[in-house]
Amino acid sequence: MYTKNEKIITSNRTARIIPDKNILITESSYVNMAGGNQLQSHLTITKFLNKLNSTLKLTGNVMQSDNPYMANGKVEGRRSLSQTYHASILYNPVKWLDIAPEIKYQGLRDKNSLISSNGSTYSNSFFANAKLGFYLPKDWAVNFDLSQAVYNTTNLMTNKSPFVINANIEKRLFPKKNGILSFVIMDATRENAVTNYVSSNMGYSNMVTNTNSRYFLLQFSYRPELFGKSRYDKGKGRKGDGSFIE
């Protein structure tokens, strides 16, 4: 099969195919693609607040990259700016309660010379989450994971502000408390569908995930403990910070 003036783009090479009835000639030329660069900064701060018996953690990450590439026989470019900021605190006001609130912002913006409109696409998201753990008498525990999100994305395909509720209740069994019977509820509000934004040199794509993520699960686990365990382990499990429940 012969095609007139067909151009093939692979990385920094352009190939022009010259058709002929008897032969097929391919002309290749190369372009210097030097100039790509990336700048990234990361910061983490962790502080234990003794009076509140809590741990505060702050993280931030900023990355900017410039990516030249070939398209249609010309040098094009894409500049990406990614930002992530996260703050969380684990608070234990009393022995029977864990509170772990957190907030997170994540932003991604691409400016691409190949896109004919304004050349810019974006995906911004804000999350507020609270995890609650209640450690009740007679080896019962109840956990909640509450999450509120706000999305602002190019061509958003799902709910802009979903509220997601996950929860479980569990009971420890047997004299050694090494059996766990648990009932789990995931995505009780049926709002966990998310638009996943993925960008590349040739543009971006949106894909919807978790369109039907609500389910109920009854599970049982048993750990025979063939090996020795910590002398601090009373058989009641661990709290959110990893310490044993007393």
C-alpha atoms as a PDB file:
ATOM      1  CA  MET A   1       0.000   0.000   0.000  1.00  0.00           C
ATOM      2  CA  TYR A   2       1.392   3.409  -1.005  1.00  0.00           C
ATOM      3  CA  THR A   3       0.394   6.726   0.555  1.00  0.00           C
ATOM      4  CA  LYS A   4       1.552  10.078  -0.775  1.00  0.00           C
ATOM      5  CA  ASN A   5       3.419  12.427   1.587  1.00  0.00           C
ATOM      6  CA  GLU A   6       2.789  10.312   4.654  1.00  0.00           C
ATOM      7  CA  LYS A   7       4.765  11.449   7.711  1.00  0.00           C
ATOM      8  CA  ILE A   8       5.620   9.234  10.637  1.00  0.00           C
ATOM      9  CA  ILE A   9       6.569  10.847  13.962  1.00  0.00           C
ATOM     10  CA  THR A  10       8.637   8.840  16.464  1.00  0.00           C
ATOM     11  CA  SER A  11      10.311  10.825  19.218  1.00  0.00           C
ATOM     12  CA  ASN A  12      12.642  13.244  17.450  1.00  0.00           C
ATOM     13  CA  ARG A  13      12.533  11.573  14.001  1.00  0.00           C
ATOM     14  CA  THR A  14      10.339  12.536  11.066  1.00  0.00           C
ATOM     15  CA  ALA A  15      10.027  10.116   8.158  1.00  0.00           C
ATOM     16  CA  ARG A  16       8.571  11.014   4.746  1.00  0.00           C
ATOM     17  CA  ILE A  17       7.593   8.050   2.588  1.00  0.00           C
ATOM     18  CA  ILE A  18       7.941   8.539  -1.177  1.00  0.00           C
ATOM     19  CA  PRO A  19       5.789   6.027  -3.088  1.00  0.00           C
ATOM     20  CA  ASP A  20       6.777   4.532  -6.406  1.00  0.00           C
ATOM     21  CA  LYS A  21       5.343   1.717  -8.465  1.00  0.00           C
ATOM     22  CA  ASN A  22       8.476  -0.367  -8.033  1.00  0.00           C
ATOM     23  CA  ILE A  23      10.259   0.920  -4.945  1.00  0.00           C
ATOM     24  CA  LEU A  24       9.447   2.561  -1.634  1.00  0.00           C
ATOM     25  CA  ILE A  25      11.826   5.307  -0.471  1.00  0.00           C
ATOM     26  CA  THR A  26      11.815   6.627   3.085  1.00  0.00           C
ATOM     27  CA  GLU A  27      13.529   9.908   3.901  1.00  0.00           C
ATOM     28  CA  SER A  28      14.423  10.433   7.573  1.00  0.00           C
ATOM     29  CA  SER A  29      15.546  13.609   9.290  1.00  0.00           C
ATOM     30  CA  TYR A  30      16.396  14.284  12.929  1.00  0.00           C
ATOM     31  CA  VAL A  31      15.793  17.313  15.111  1.00  0.00           C
ATOM     32  CA  ASN A  32      17.755  18.245  18.223  1.00  0.00           C
ATOM     33  CA  MET A  33      15.236  17.774  21.044  1.00  0.00           C
ATOM     34  CA  ALA A  34      17.478  18.980  23.887  1.00  0.00           C
ATOM     35  CA  GLY A  35      15.854  21.360  26.332  1.00  0.00           C
ATOM     36  CA  GLY A  36      13.577  19.206  28.486  1.00  0.00           C
ATOM     37  CA  ASN A  37      13.890  19.933  32.185  1.00  0.00           C
ATOM     38  CA  GLN A  38      12.180  19.308  35.499  1.00  0.00           C
ATOM     39  CA  LEU A  39      12.259  21.202  38.795  1.00  0.00           C
ATOM     40  CA  GLN A  40      10.852  19.679  41.970  1.00  0.00           C
ATOM     41  CA  SER A  41      10.703  20.689  45.638  1.00  0.00           C
ATOM     42  CA  HIS A  42       9.393  18.700  48.596  1.00  0.00           C
ATOM     43  CA  LEU A  43       8.816  19.631  52.235  1.00  0.00           C
ATOM     44  CA  THR A  44       7.697  17.528  55.210  1.00  0.00           C
ATOM     45  CA  ILE A  45       7.155  18.758  58.770  1.00  0.00           C
ATOM     46  CA  THR A  46       6.125  16.450  61.623  1.00  0.00           C
ATOM     47  CA  LYS A  47       5.425  17.628  65.168  1.00  0.00           C
ATOM     48  CA  PHE A  48       4.282  15.673  68.203  1.00  0.00           C
ATOM     49  CA  LEU A  49       1.973  17.748  70.403  1.00  0.00           C
ATOM     50  CA  ASN A  50       2.498  16.304  73.853  1.00  0.00           C
ATOM     51  CA  LYS A  51      -0.289  18.197  75.627  1.00  0.00           C
ATOM     52  CA  LEU A  52      -2.851  17.075  73.070  1.00  0.00           C
ATOM     53  CA  ASN A  53      -1.388  13.574  72.698  1.00  0.00           C
ATOM     54  CA  SER A  54      -1.442  14.039  68.926  1.00  0.00           C
ATOM     55  CA  THR A  55       0.859  14.131  65.901  1.00  0.00           C
ATOM     56  CA  LEU A  56       0.671  16.905  63.300  1.00  0.00           C
ATOM     57  CA  LYS A  57       2.095  16.325  59.825  1.00  0.00           C
ATOM     58  CA  LEU A  58       2.418  18.819  56.956  1.00  0.00           C
ATOM     59  CA  THR A  59       3.699  17.938  53.491  1.00  0.00           C
ATOM     60  CA  GLY A  60       4.060  19.884  50.264  1.00  0.00           C
ATOM     61  CA  ASN A  61       5.315  18.971  46.811  1.00  0.00           C
ATOM     62  CA  VAL A  62       5.671  21.212  43.746  1.00  0.00           C
ATOM     63  CA  MET A  63       6.961  20.026  40.374  1.00  0.00           C
ATOM     64  CA  GLN A  64       7.303  21.884  37.069  1.00  0.00           C
ATOM     65  CA  SER A  65       8.491  20.284  33.853  1.00  0.00           C
ATOM     66  CA  ASP A  66       9.078  21.413  30.258  1.00  0.00           C
ATOM     67  CA  ASN A  67       8.769  18.711  27.607  1.00  0.00           C
ATOM     68  CA  PRO A  68       9.598  19.404  23.941  1.00  0.00           C
ATOM     69  CA  TYR A  69       8.341  16.836  21.425  1.00  0.00           C
ATOM     70  CA  MET A  70       7.696  16.342  17.709  1.00  0.00           C
ATOM     71  CA  ALA A  71       4.250  16.465  16.101  1.00  0.00           C
ATOM     72  CA  ASN A  72       3.299  17.007  12.460  1.00  0.00           C
ATOM     73  CA  GLY A  73       6.921  17.611  11.584  1.00  0.00           C
ATOM     74  CA  LYS A  74       7.295  20.514  14.034  1.00  0.00           C
ATOM     75  CA  VAL A  75       8.722  20.936  17.504  1.00  0.00           C
ATOM     76  CA  GLU A  76       5.924  21.403  20.045  1.00  0.00           C
ATOM     77  CA  GLY A  77       6.110  21.844  23.809  1.00  0.00           C
ATOM     78  CA  ARG A  78       4.204  21.043  26.976  1.00  0.00           C
ATOM     79  CA  ARG A  79       4.703  22.713  30.356  1.00  0.00           C
ATOM     80  CA  SER A  80       3.237  20.938  33.379  1.00  0.00           C
ATOM     81  CA  LEU A  81       2.806  22.286  36.897  1.00  0.00           C
ATOM     82  CA  SER A  82       1.860  19.844  39.655  1.00  0.00           C
ATOM     83  CA  GLN A  83       1.156  20.862  43.263  1.00  0.00           C
ATOM     84  CA  THR A  84       0.195  18.747  46.264  1.00  0.00           C
ATOM     85  CA  TYR A  85      -0.342  20.014  49.818  1.00  0.00           C
ATOM     86  CA  HIS A  86      -1.432  17.794  52.688  1.00  0.00           C
ATOM     87  CA  ALA A  87      -2.083  18.344  56.400  1.00  0.00           C
ATOM     88  CA  SER A  88      -3.122  15.674  58.890  1.00  0.00           C
ATOM     89  CA  ILE A  89      -3.341  15.211  62.635  1.00  0.00           C
ATOM     90  CA  LEU A  90      -3.870  12.075  64.701  1.00  0.00           C
ATOM     91  CA  TYR A  91      -5.638  12.912  67.952  1.00  0.00           C
ATOM     92  CA  ASN A  92      -6.345  10.579  70.873  1.00  0.00           C
ATOM     93  CA  PRO A  93      -8.381  12.586  73.418  1.00  0.00           C
ATOM     94  CA  VAL A  94      -9.296   9.431  75.374  1.00  0.00           C
ATOM     95  CA  LYS A  95      -8.215   5.796  75.234  1.00  0.00           C
ATOM     96  CA  TRP A  96     -11.387   4.646  73.516  1.00  0.00           C
ATOM     97  CA  LEU A  97     -11.405   7.231  70.688  1.00  0.00           C
ATOM     98  CA  ASP A  98      -9.189   7.972  67.661  1.00  0.00           C
ATOM     99  CA  ILE A  99      -9.744  11.108  65.561  1.00  0.00           C
ATOM    100  CA  ALA A 100      -7.715  11.585  62.375  1.00  0.00           C
ATOM    101  CA  PRO A 101      -8.789  14.610  60.279  1.00  0.00           C
ATOM    102  CA  GLU A 102      -6.863  15.593  57.168  1.00  0.00           C
ATOM    103  CA  ILE A 103      -7.096  18.030  54.271  1.00  0.00           C
ATOM    104  CA  LYS A 104      -5.425  17.772  50.884  1.00  0.00           C
ATOM    105  CA  TYR A 105      -5.164  19.909  47.770  1.00  0.00           C
ATOM    106  CA  GLN A 106      -3.898  18.513  44.485  1.00  0.00           C
ATOM    107  CA  GLY A 107      -3.574  20.595  41.319  1.00  0.00           C
ATOM    108  CA  LEU A 108      -2.293  19.815  37.844  1.00  0.00           C
ATOM    109  CA  ARG A 109      -2.136  22.282  34.964  1.00  0.00           C
ATOM    110  CA  ASP A 110      -0.790  21.643  31.459  1.00  0.00           C
ATOM    111  CA  LYS A 111      -0.074  24.205  28.778  1.00  0.00           C
ATOM    112  CA  ASN A 112       0.410  22.535  25.419  1.00  0.00           C
ATOM    113  CA  SER A 113       1.267  24.312  22.176  1.00  0.00           C
ATOM    114  CA  LEU A 114      -0.441  21.530  20.206  1.00  0.00           C
ATOM    115  CA  ILE A 115      -3.904  22.251  21.642  1.00  0.00           C
ATOM    116  CA  SER A 116      -5.685  24.705  19.363  1.00  0.00           C
ATOM    117  CA  SER A 117      -7.989  26.354  21.955  1.00  0.00           C
ATOM    118  CA  ASN A 118      -6.295  28.180  24.813  1.00  0.00           C
ATOM    119  CA  GLY A 119      -3.625  25.503  25.099  1.00  0.00           C
ATOM    120  CA  SER A 120      -4.335  24.877  28.777  1.00  0.00           C
ATOM    121  CA  THR A 121      -6.001  21.962  30.578  1.00  0.00           C
ATOM    122  CA  TYR A 122      -6.253  21.383  34.316  1.00  0.00           C
ATOM    123  CA  SER A 123      -7.387  19.173  37.173  1.00  0.00           C
ATOM    124  CA  ASN A 124      -7.818  20.609  40.675  1.00  0.00           C
ATOM    125  CA  SER A 125      -9.140  18.679  43.662  1.00  0.00           C
ATOM    126  CA  PHE A 126      -9.671  19.420  47.348  1.00  0.00           C
ATOM    127  CA  PHE A 127     -10.274  16.697  49.946  1.00  0.00           C
ATOM    128  CA  ALA A 128     -11.423  16.920  53.566  1.00  0.00           C
ATOM    129  CA  ASN A 129     -11.380  13.605  55.378  1.00  0.00           C
ATOM    130  CA  ALA A 130     -12.100  12.435  58.926  1.00  0.00           C
ATOM    131  CA  LYS A 131     -11.393   8.969  60.289  1.00  0.00           C
ATOM    132  CA  LEU A 132     -13.052   8.042  63.577  1.00  0.00           C
ATOM    133  CA  GLY A 133     -12.314   4.935  65.633  1.00  0.00           C
ATOM    134  CA  PHE A 134     -14.376   3.926  68.677  1.00  0.00           C
ATOM    135  CA  TYR A 135     -12.966   1.143  70.896  1.00  0.00           C
ATOM    136  CA  LEU A 136     -15.902  -0.172  72.918  1.00  0.00           C
ATOM    137  CA  PRO A 137     -16.141  -2.591  75.867  1.00  0.00           C
ATOM    138  CA  LYS A 138     -16.238  -6.364  75.350  1.00  0.00           C
ATOM    139  CA  ASP A 139     -13.838  -6.182  72.382  1.00  0.00           C
ATOM    140  CA  TRP A 140     -16.083  -4.251  70.000  1.00  0.00           C
ATOM    141  CA  ALA A 141     -14.795  -1.541  67.640  1.00  0.00           C
ATOM    142  CA  VAL A 142     -16.583   0.806  65.225  1.00  0.00           C
ATOM    143  CA  ASN A 143     -14.763   2.796  62.525  1.00  0.00           C
ATOM    144  CA  PHE A 144     -15.939   5.547  60.172  1.00  0.00           C
ATOM    145  CA  ASP A 145     -14.177   7.109  57.187  1.00  0.00           C
ATOM    146  CA  LEU A 146     -15.935  10.309  56.036  1.00  0.00           C
ATOM    147  CA  SER A 147     -14.678  12.167  52.970  1.00  0.00           C
ATOM    148  CA  GLN A 148     -15.833  15.337  51.213  1.00  0.00           C
ATOM    149  CA  ALA A 149     -14.198  16.223  47.892  1.00  0.00           C
ATOM    150  CA  VAL A 150     -14.486  19.127  45.449  1.00  0.00           C
ATOM    151  CA  TYR A 151     -13.289  18.679  41.851  1.00  0.00           C
ATOM    152  CA  ASN A 152     -12.597  21.246  39.141  1.00  0.00           C
ATOM    153  CA  THR A 153     -11.359  19.500  36.007  1.00  0.00           C
ATOM    154  CA  THR A 154     -11.371  20.112  32.270  1.00  0.00           C
ATOM    155  CA  ASN A 155     -14.528  18.372  30.975  1.00  0.00           C
ATOM    156  CA  LEU A 156     -15.481  16.929  34.372  1.00  0.00           C
ATOM    157  CA  MET A 157     -17.599  13.794  33.873  1.00  0.00           C
ATOM    158  CA  THR A 158     -18.722  13.069  37.446  1.00  0.00           C
ATOM    159  CA  ASN A 159     -20.167  14.745  40.541  1.00  0.00           C
ATOM    160  CA  LYS A 160     -18.312  17.956  41.401  1.00  0.00           C
ATOM    161  CA  SER A 161     -18.587  17.533  45.191  1.00  0.00           C
ATOM    162  CA  PRO A 162     -19.074  13.879  46.235  1.00  0.00           C
ATOM    163  CA  PHE A 163     -19.491  12.875  49.886  1.00  0.00           C
ATOM    164  CA  VAL A 164     -18.256   9.351  50.624  1.00  0.00           C
ATOM    165  CA  ILE A 165     -18.992   7.278  53.737  1.00  0.00           C
ATOM    166  CA  ASN A 166     -17.179   4.044  54.595  1.00  0.00           C
ATOM    167  CA  ALA A 167     -17.704   2.209  57.891  1.00  0.00           C
ATOM    168  CA  ASN A 168     -17.156  -1.078  59.657  1.00  0.00           C
ATOM    169  CA  ILE A 169     -17.988  -2.741  62.960  1.00  0.00           C
ATOM    170  CA  GLU A 170     -15.888  -5.593  64.311  1.00  0.00           C
ATOM    171  CA  LYS A 171     -15.848  -8.020  67.213  1.00  0.00           C
ATOM    172  CA  ARG A 172     -12.809  -9.906  68.515  1.00  0.00           C
ATOM    173  CA  LEU A 173     -13.419 -13.549  69.359  1.00  0.00           C
ATOM    174  CA  PHE A 174     -11.858 -16.460  71.282  1.00  0.00           C
ATOM    175  CA  PRO A 175      -9.823 -16.333  74.507  1.00  0.00           C
ATOM    176  CA  LYS A 176      -6.723 -15.004  72.728  1.00  0.00           C
ATOM    177  CA  LYS A 177      -8.797 -12.453  70.770  1.00  0.00           C
ATOM    178  CA  ASN A 178      -7.163 -13.651  67.543  1.00  0.00           C
ATOM    179  CA  GLY A 179     -10.415 -14.038  65.623  1.00  0.00           C
ATOM    180  CA  ILE A 180     -12.141 -11.010  64.071  1.00  0.00           C
ATOM    181  CA  LEU A 181     -15.693 -10.911  62.733  1.00  0.00           C
ATOM    182  CA  SER A 182     -16.320  -7.704  60.780  1.00  0.00           C
ATOM    183  CA  PHE A 183     -19.152  -6.125  58.792  1.00  0.00           C
ATOM    184  CA  VAL A 184     -18.053  -3.494  56.238  1.00  0.00           C
ATOM    185  CA  ILE A 185     -20.034  -0.853  54.332  1.00  0.00           C
ATOM    186  CA  MET A 186     -18.211   0.868  51.458  1.00  0.00           C
ATOM    187  CA  ASP A 187     -19.491   4.005  49.694  1.00  0.00           C
ATOM    188  CA  ALA A 188     -22.820   4.126  51.514  1.00  0.00           C
ATOM    189  CA  THR A 189     -23.885   7.262  49.597  1.00  0.00           C
ATOM    190  CA  ARG A 190     -22.934   5.928  46.134  1.00  0.00           C
ATOM    191  CA  GLU A 191     -20.966   9.066  45.302  1.00  0.00           C
ATOM    192  CA  ASN A 192     -17.441   7.688  44.909  1.00  0.00           C
ATOM    193  CA  ALA A 193     -17.306   7.926  41.097  1.00  0.00           C
ATOM    194  CA  VAL A 194     -14.190   9.890  40.079  1.00  0.00           C
ATOM    195  CA  THR A 195     -12.962  11.496  36.842  1.00  0.00           C
ATOM    196  CA  ASN A 196      -9.309  10.516  36.445  1.00  0.00           C
ATOM    197  CA  TYR A 197      -7.434  13.155  34.443  1.00  0.00           C
ATOM    198  CA  VAL A 198      -4.296  11.945  32.628  1.00  0.00           C
ATOM    199  CA  SER A 199      -2.203  14.265  30.456  1.00  0.00           C
ATOM    200  CA  SER A 200       0.450  13.538  27.850  1.00  0.00           C
ATOM    201  CA  ASN A 201       2.292  15.358  25.082  1.00  0.00           C
ATOM    202  CA  MET A 202      -0.536  14.659  22.658  1.00  0.00           C
ATOM    203  CA  GLY A 203      -3.294  16.004  24.918  1.00  0.00           C
ATOM    204  CA  TYR A 204      -5.261  14.579  27.836  1.00  0.00           C
ATOM    205  CA  SER A 205      -7.809  11.881  28.606  1.00  0.00           C
ATOM    206  CA  ASN A 206     -10.559  11.570  31.225  1.00  0.00           C
ATOM    207  CA  MET A 207     -11.669   8.195  32.536  1.00  0.00           C
ATOM    208  CA  VAL A 208     -14.443   7.534  35.046  1.00  0.00           C
ATOM    209  CA  THR A 209     -13.751   4.971  37.785  1.00  0.00           C
ATOM    210  CA  ASN A 210     -15.771   3.607  40.721  1.00  0.00           C
ATOM    211  CA  THR A 211     -19.104   4.067  38.960  1.00  0.00           C
ATOM    212  CA  ASN A 212     -20.697   1.485  41.244  1.00  0.00           C
ATOM    213  CA  SER A 213     -18.455   1.098  44.278  1.00  0.00           C
ATOM    214  CA  ARG A 214     -21.009   0.548  47.041  1.00  0.00           C
ATOM    215  CA  TYR A 215     -20.862  -2.896  48.575  1.00  0.00           C
ATOM    216  CA  PHE A 216     -21.375  -4.741  51.859  1.00  0.00           C
ATOM    217  CA  LEU A 217     -18.906  -7.281  53.176  1.00  0.00           C
ATOM    218  CA  LEU A 218     -19.083  -9.764  56.031  1.00  0.00           C
ATOM    219  CA  GLN A 219     -15.650 -11.151  56.766  1.00  0.00           C
ATOM    220  CA  PHE A 220     -13.915 -13.347  59.302  1.00  0.00           C
ATOM    221  CA  SER A 221     -10.192 -13.527  59.945  1.00  0.00           C
ATOM    222  CA  TYR A 222      -8.201 -15.763  62.258  1.00  0.00           C
ATOM    223  CA  ARG A 223      -4.544 -15.543  63.240  1.00  0.00           C
ATOM    224  CA  PRO A 224      -3.326 -18.672  65.055  1.00  0.00           C
ATOM    225  CA  GLU A 225      -0.196 -16.850  66.328  1.00  0.00           C
ATOM    226  CA  LEU A 226       2.259 -19.677  65.900  1.00  0.00           C
ATOM    227  CA  PHE A 227       5.075 -17.323  66.863  1.00  0.00           C
ATOM    228  CA  GLY A 228       5.571 -15.141  69.929  1.00  0.00           C
ATOM    229  CA  LYS A 229       3.789 -11.810  70.175  1.00  0.00           C
ATOM    230  CA  SER A 230       4.620  -8.543  71.890  1.00  0.00           C
ATOM    231  CA  ARG A 231       4.163  -8.451  75.652  1.00  0.00           C
ATOM    232  CA  TYR A 232       2.206  -5.222  75.159  1.00  0.00           C
ATOM    233  CA  ASP A 233      -0.362  -6.916  72.919  1.00  0.00           C
ATOM    234  CA  LYS A 234      -3.516  -7.565  74.962  1.00  0.00           C
ATOM    235  CA  GLY A 235      -5.282  -9.158  72.028  1.00  0.00           C
ATOM    236  CA  LYS A 236      -7.471  -6.120  71.334  1.00  0.00           C
ATOM    237  CA  GLY A 237      -5.750  -4.871  68.179  1.00  0.00           C
ATOM    238  CA  ARG A 238      -4.068  -1.568  67.397  1.00  0.00           C
ATOM    239  CA  LYS A 239      -5.169   2.057  67.295  1.00  0.00           C
ATOM    240  CA  GLY A 240      -4.774   4.378  64.322  1.00  0.00           C
ATOM    241  CA  ASP A 241      -1.285   5.404  65.456  1.00  0.00           C
ATOM    242  CA  GLY A 242      -0.131   1.780  65.638  1.00  0.00           C
ATOM    243  CA  SER A 243      -0.182   1.469  69.442  1.00  0.00           C
ATOM    244  CA  PHE A 244      -1.920  -1.442  71.131  1.00  0.00           C
ATOM    245  CA  ILE A 245      -5.414  -1.012  72.558  1.00  0.00           C
ATOM    246  CA  GLU A 246      -5.208  -1.315  76.331  1.00  0.00           C
END
